[in-house]
Amino acid sequence: MRFTATLLVWLALAAGLLQAVICIIYLSSSGWAIPLVMVFMLLPIVPLVLMHEVTRWRRMSPVVPASAALLSIAVSGGFYWELFARMR
């Protein structure tokens, strides 16, 4: 399970890297939606932080970062889908 969680965390980071860059660009012009843009910008990094917490303290199960990674991948997919729909 630990290998799967590590793989999912790195996949979430790779999938969300472009999303973070796009959100950094939109940060200055987002106005009242700055908190939402910040959440979208930081979401791909959350599973990686959780993975480092698991290795340090060993309190959390590897299921927690794996679940966060799957959620991050799903949100990134929705973000890219919405971006694609608006660009058409």
N, C-alpha and C. Protein backbone atom coordinates (compact mmCIF):
# COMPACT_ATOMS: atom_id res chain seq x y z
N MET A 1 0.82 -1.19 0.00
CA MET A 1 0.00 0.00 0.00
C MET A 1 0.86 1.26 0.00
N ARG A 2 2.01 1.18 0.62
CA ARG A 2 2.88 2.36 0.71
C ARG A 2 3.40 2.76 -0.68
N PHE A 3 3.75 1.78 -1.51
CA PHE A 3 4.22 2.07 -2.86
C PHE A 3 3.10 2.71 -3.69
N THR A 4 1.90 2.20 -3.56
CA THR A 4 0.76 2.75 -4.29
C THR A 4 0.48 4.18 -3.86
N ALA A 5 0.56 4.43 -2.55
CA ALA A 5 0.33 5.79 -2.06
C ALA A 5 1.39 6.74 -2.59
N THR A 6 2.65 6.30 -2.59
CA THR A 6 3.73 7.14 -3.12
C THR A 6 3.52 7.44 -4.60
N LEU A 7 3.13 6.43 -5.34
CA LEU A 7 2.88 6.60 -6.77
C LEU A 7 1.73 7.58 -7.02
N LEU A 8 0.66 7.44 -6.26
CA LEU A 8 -0.48 8.35 -6.42
C LEU A 8 -0.12 9.78 -6.04
N VAL A 9 0.70 9.95 -5.01
CA VAL A 9 1.11 11.30 -4.60
C VAL A 9 1.91 11.97 -5.70
N TRP A 10 2.86 11.27 -6.28
CA TRP A 10 3.67 11.87 -7.34
C TRP A 10 2.85 12.09 -8.61
N LEU A 11 1.89 11.22 -8.87
CA LEU A 11 0.99 11.42 -10.01
C LEU A 11 0.12 12.66 -9.81
N ALA A 12 -0.36 12.86 -8.58
CA ALA A 12 -1.16 14.05 -8.29
C ALA A 12 -0.33 15.32 -8.44
N LEU A 13 0.93 15.26 -8.03
CA LEU A 13 1.80 16.43 -8.18
C LEU A 13 2.08 16.71 -9.66
N ALA A 14 2.31 15.67 -10.43
CA ALA A 14 2.57 15.86 -11.86
C ALA A 14 1.32 16.37 -12.58
N ALA A 15 0.16 15.86 -12.20
CA ALA A 15 -1.08 16.30 -12.85
C ALA A 15 -1.45 17.73 -12.47
N GLY A 16 -1.07 18.14 -11.27
CA GLY A 16 -1.46 19.46 -10.80
C GLY A 16 -0.43 20.55 -10.99
N LEU A 17 0.72 20.22 -11.55
CA LEU A 17 1.77 21.21 -11.70
C LEU A 17 1.36 22.34 -12.66
N LEU A 18 0.80 21.99 -13.79
CA LEU A 18 0.32 23.00 -14.73
C LEU A 18 -0.82 23.80 -14.13
N GLN A 19 -1.67 23.13 -13.37
CA GLN A 19 -2.76 23.81 -12.68
C GLN A 19 -2.23 24.87 -11.72
N ALA A 20 -1.17 24.55 -10.99
CA ALA A 20 -0.58 25.52 -10.05
C ALA A 20 0.01 26.71 -10.81
N VAL A 21 0.64 26.45 -11.94
CA VAL A 21 1.21 27.55 -12.72
C VAL A 21 0.11 28.45 -13.28
N ILE A 22 -0.96 27.86 -13.78
CA ILE A 22 -2.08 28.65 -14.29
C ILE A 22 -2.71 29.48 -13.17
N CYS A 23 -2.84 28.90 -11.99
CA CYS A 23 -3.42 29.64 -10.86
C CYS A 23 -2.51 30.77 -10.40
N ILE A 24 -1.20 30.58 -10.48
CA ILE A 24 -0.28 31.67 -10.13
C ILE A 24 -0.48 32.84 -11.09
N ILE A 25 -0.69 32.54 -12.37
CA ILE A 25 -0.92 33.59 -13.35
C ILE A 25 -2.24 34.31 -13.08
N TYR A 26 -3.30 33.56 -12.72
CA TYR A 26 -4.60 34.15 -12.46
C TYR A 26 -4.71 34.83 -11.10
N LEU A 27 -3.73 34.64 -10.23
CA LEU A 27 -3.81 35.15 -8.87
C LEU A 27 -3.94 36.67 -8.82
N SER A 28 -3.23 37.35 -9.69
CA SER A 28 -3.26 38.82 -9.64
C SER A 28 -4.55 39.40 -10.19
N SER A 29 -5.24 38.66 -11.05
CA SER A 29 -6.45 39.23 -11.66
C SER A 29 -7.73 38.55 -11.19
N SER A 30 -7.68 37.79 -10.12
CA SER A 30 -8.87 37.03 -9.72
C SER A 30 -9.83 37.82 -8.84
N GLY A 31 -9.38 38.91 -8.23
CA GLY A 31 -10.28 39.75 -7.44
C GLY A 31 -10.79 39.05 -6.20
N TRP A 32 -12.13 38.92 -6.08
CA TRP A 32 -12.73 38.34 -4.89
C TRP A 32 -12.52 36.84 -4.80
N ALA A 33 -12.13 36.20 -5.89
CA ALA A 33 -11.95 34.75 -5.91
C ALA A 33 -10.53 34.31 -5.55
N ILE A 34 -9.75 35.19 -4.95
CA ILE A 34 -8.38 34.85 -4.58
C ILE A 34 -8.31 33.63 -3.67
N PRO A 35 -9.18 33.48 -2.64
CA PRO A 35 -9.09 32.27 -1.82
C PRO A 35 -9.32 30.97 -2.61
N LEU A 36 -10.24 31.00 -3.56
CA LEU A 36 -10.49 29.82 -4.39
C LEU A 36 -9.29 29.50 -5.27
N VAL A 37 -8.69 30.53 -5.84
CA VAL A 37 -7.50 30.33 -6.67
C VAL A 37 -6.35 29.78 -5.83
N MET A 38 -6.23 30.26 -4.59
CA MET A 38 -5.18 29.75 -3.70
C MET A 38 -5.40 28.27 -3.38
N VAL A 39 -6.65 27.87 -3.17
CA VAL A 39 -6.94 26.46 -2.91
C VAL A 39 -6.56 25.61 -4.12
N PHE A 40 -6.95 26.05 -5.31
CA PHE A 40 -6.59 25.31 -6.51
C PHE A 40 -5.07 25.29 -6.73
N MET A 41 -4.39 26.33 -6.30
CA MET A 41 -2.94 26.39 -6.48
C MET A 41 -2.23 25.45 -5.51
N LEU A 42 -2.72 25.34 -4.28
CA LEU A 42 -2.03 24.54 -3.27
C LEU A 42 -2.50 23.09 -3.20
N LEU A 43 -3.63 22.77 -3.82
CA LEU A 43 -4.18 21.43 -3.72
C LEU A 43 -3.25 20.32 -4.23
N PRO A 44 -2.50 20.50 -5.31
CA PRO A 44 -1.60 19.42 -5.74
C PRO A 44 -0.44 19.15 -4.77
N ILE A 45 -0.14 20.09 -3.88
CA ILE A 45 0.99 19.93 -2.96
C ILE A 45 0.57 19.23 -1.67
N VAL A 46 -0.72 19.25 -1.34
CA VAL A 46 -1.22 18.68 -0.08
C VAL A 46 -0.88 17.19 0.06
N PRO A 47 -1.09 16.33 -0.95
CA PRO A 47 -0.73 14.92 -0.77
C PRO A 47 0.76 14.71 -0.50
N LEU A 48 1.61 15.52 -1.11
CA LEU A 48 3.04 15.40 -0.86
C LEU A 48 3.39 15.76 0.57
N VAL A 49 2.77 16.79 1.11
CA VAL A 49 2.99 17.16 2.51
C VAL A 49 2.50 16.05 3.43
N LEU A 50 1.34 15.50 3.14
CA LEU A 50 0.83 14.40 3.96
C LEU A 50 1.73 13.17 3.88
N MET A 51 2.31 12.93 2.72
CA MET A 51 3.20 11.77 2.57
C MET A 51 4.45 11.94 3.43
N HIS A 52 4.97 13.16 3.50
CA HIS A 52 6.15 13.40 4.34
C HIS A 52 5.79 13.29 5.82
N GLU A 53 4.58 13.65 6.18
CA GLU A 53 4.15 13.50 7.57
C GLU A 53 4.03 12.03 7.95
N VAL A 54 3.59 11.20 7.01
CA VAL A 54 3.46 9.77 7.29
C VAL A 54 4.83 9.16 7.55
N THR A 55 5.82 9.53 6.76
CA THR A 55 7.14 8.92 6.96
C THR A 55 7.81 9.42 8.23
N ARG A 56 7.49 10.62 8.67
CA ARG A 56 8.16 11.15 9.85
C ARG A 56 7.59 10.59 11.14
N TRP A 57 6.26 10.60 11.28
CA TRP A 57 5.67 10.23 12.56
C TRP A 57 5.08 8.83 12.58
N ARG A 58 4.75 8.29 11.45
CA ARG A 58 4.15 6.97 11.33
C ARG A 58 2.81 6.84 12.07
N ARG A 59 2.12 7.94 12.25
CA ARG A 59 0.81 7.90 12.90
C ARG A 59 -0.30 7.67 11.89
N MET A 60 -0.16 8.27 10.74
CA MET A 60 -1.19 8.16 9.72
C MET A 60 -0.96 6.93 8.86
N SER A 61 -2.04 6.37 8.41
CA SER A 61 -1.99 5.26 7.47
C SER A 61 -1.66 5.81 6.09
N PRO A 62 -1.01 5.03 5.23
CA PRO A 62 -0.75 5.51 3.86
C PRO A 62 -2.02 5.73 3.05
N VAL A 63 -3.15 5.30 3.57
CA VAL A 63 -4.43 5.51 2.88
C VAL A 63 -4.78 7.00 2.84
N VAL A 64 -4.38 7.74 3.88
CA VAL A 64 -4.73 9.17 3.95
C VAL A 64 -4.09 9.96 2.80
N PRO A 65 -2.76 9.87 2.58
CA PRO A 65 -2.22 10.61 1.43
C PRO A 65 -2.70 10.06 0.10
N ALA A 66 -2.98 8.76 0.03
CA ALA A 66 -3.49 8.20 -1.22
C ALA A 66 -4.87 8.76 -1.53
N SER A 67 -5.71 8.89 -0.51
CA SER A 67 -7.04 9.48 -0.71
C SER A 67 -6.94 10.94 -1.11
N ALA A 68 -6.04 11.66 -0.46
CA ALA A 68 -5.84 13.07 -0.81
C ALA A 68 -5.32 13.20 -2.24
N ALA A 69 -4.45 12.28 -2.65
CA ALA A 69 -3.93 12.30 -4.02
C ALA A 69 -5.03 12.04 -5.03
N LEU A 70 -5.90 11.08 -4.74
CA LEU A 70 -7.01 10.81 -5.66
C LEU A 70 -7.96 12.00 -5.75
N LEU A 71 -8.23 12.64 -4.63
CA LEU A 71 -9.06 13.84 -4.64
C LEU A 71 -8.39 14.96 -5.42
N SER A 72 -7.09 15.12 -5.25
CA SER A 72 -6.36 16.15 -5.98
C SER A 72 -6.37 15.88 -7.48
N ILE A 73 -6.21 14.63 -7.87
CA ILE A 73 -6.25 14.27 -9.29
C ILE A 73 -7.64 14.55 -9.87
N ALA A 74 -8.69 14.23 -9.10
CA ALA A 74 -10.05 14.48 -9.58
C ALA A 74 -10.31 15.98 -9.74
N VAL A 75 -9.86 16.78 -8.78
CA VAL A 75 -10.05 18.23 -8.88
C VAL A 75 -9.24 18.80 -10.04
N SER A 76 -8.02 18.29 -10.23
CA SER A 76 -7.21 18.75 -11.36
C SER A 76 -7.89 18.42 -12.69
N GLY A 77 -8.46 17.22 -12.76
CA GLY A 77 -9.18 16.85 -13.97
C GLY A 77 -10.37 17.76 -14.23
N GLY A 78 -11.11 18.10 -13.18
CA GLY A 78 -12.22 19.04 -13.32
C GLY A 78 -11.75 20.43 -13.72
N PHE A 79 -10.62 20.84 -13.16
CA PHE A 79 -10.05 22.15 -13.49
C PHE A 79 -9.67 22.20 -14.97
N TYR A 80 -9.01 21.15 -15.45
CA TYR A 80 -8.61 21.12 -16.86
C TYR A 80 -9.83 21.01 -17.78
N TRP A 81 -10.84 20.27 -17.35
CA TRP A 81 -12.06 20.14 -18.16
C TRP A 81 -12.75 21.50 -18.30
N GLU A 82 -12.85 22.22 -17.19
CA GLU A 82 -13.49 23.54 -17.23
C GLU A 82 -12.66 24.52 -18.07
N LEU A 83 -11.35 24.44 -17.95
CA LEU A 83 -10.48 25.30 -18.75
C LEU A 83 -10.63 24.99 -20.24
N PHE A 84 -10.71 23.70 -20.56
CA PHE A 84 -10.89 23.29 -21.95
C PHE A 84 -12.25 23.74 -22.48
N ALA A 85 -13.30 23.62 -21.65
CA ALA A 85 -14.64 24.03 -22.08
C ALA A 85 -14.72 25.53 -22.32
N ARG A 86 -14.01 26.31 -21.52
CA ARG A 86 -14.04 27.76 -21.70
C ARG A 86 -13.21 28.21 -22.90
N MET A 87 -12.22 27.42 -23.29
CA MET A 87 -11.36 27.82 -24.40
C MET A 87 -11.94 27.47 -25.76
N ARG A 88 -12.97 26.61 -25.78
CA ARG A 88 -13.57 26.23 -27.06
C ARG A 88 -14.46 27.27 -27.60
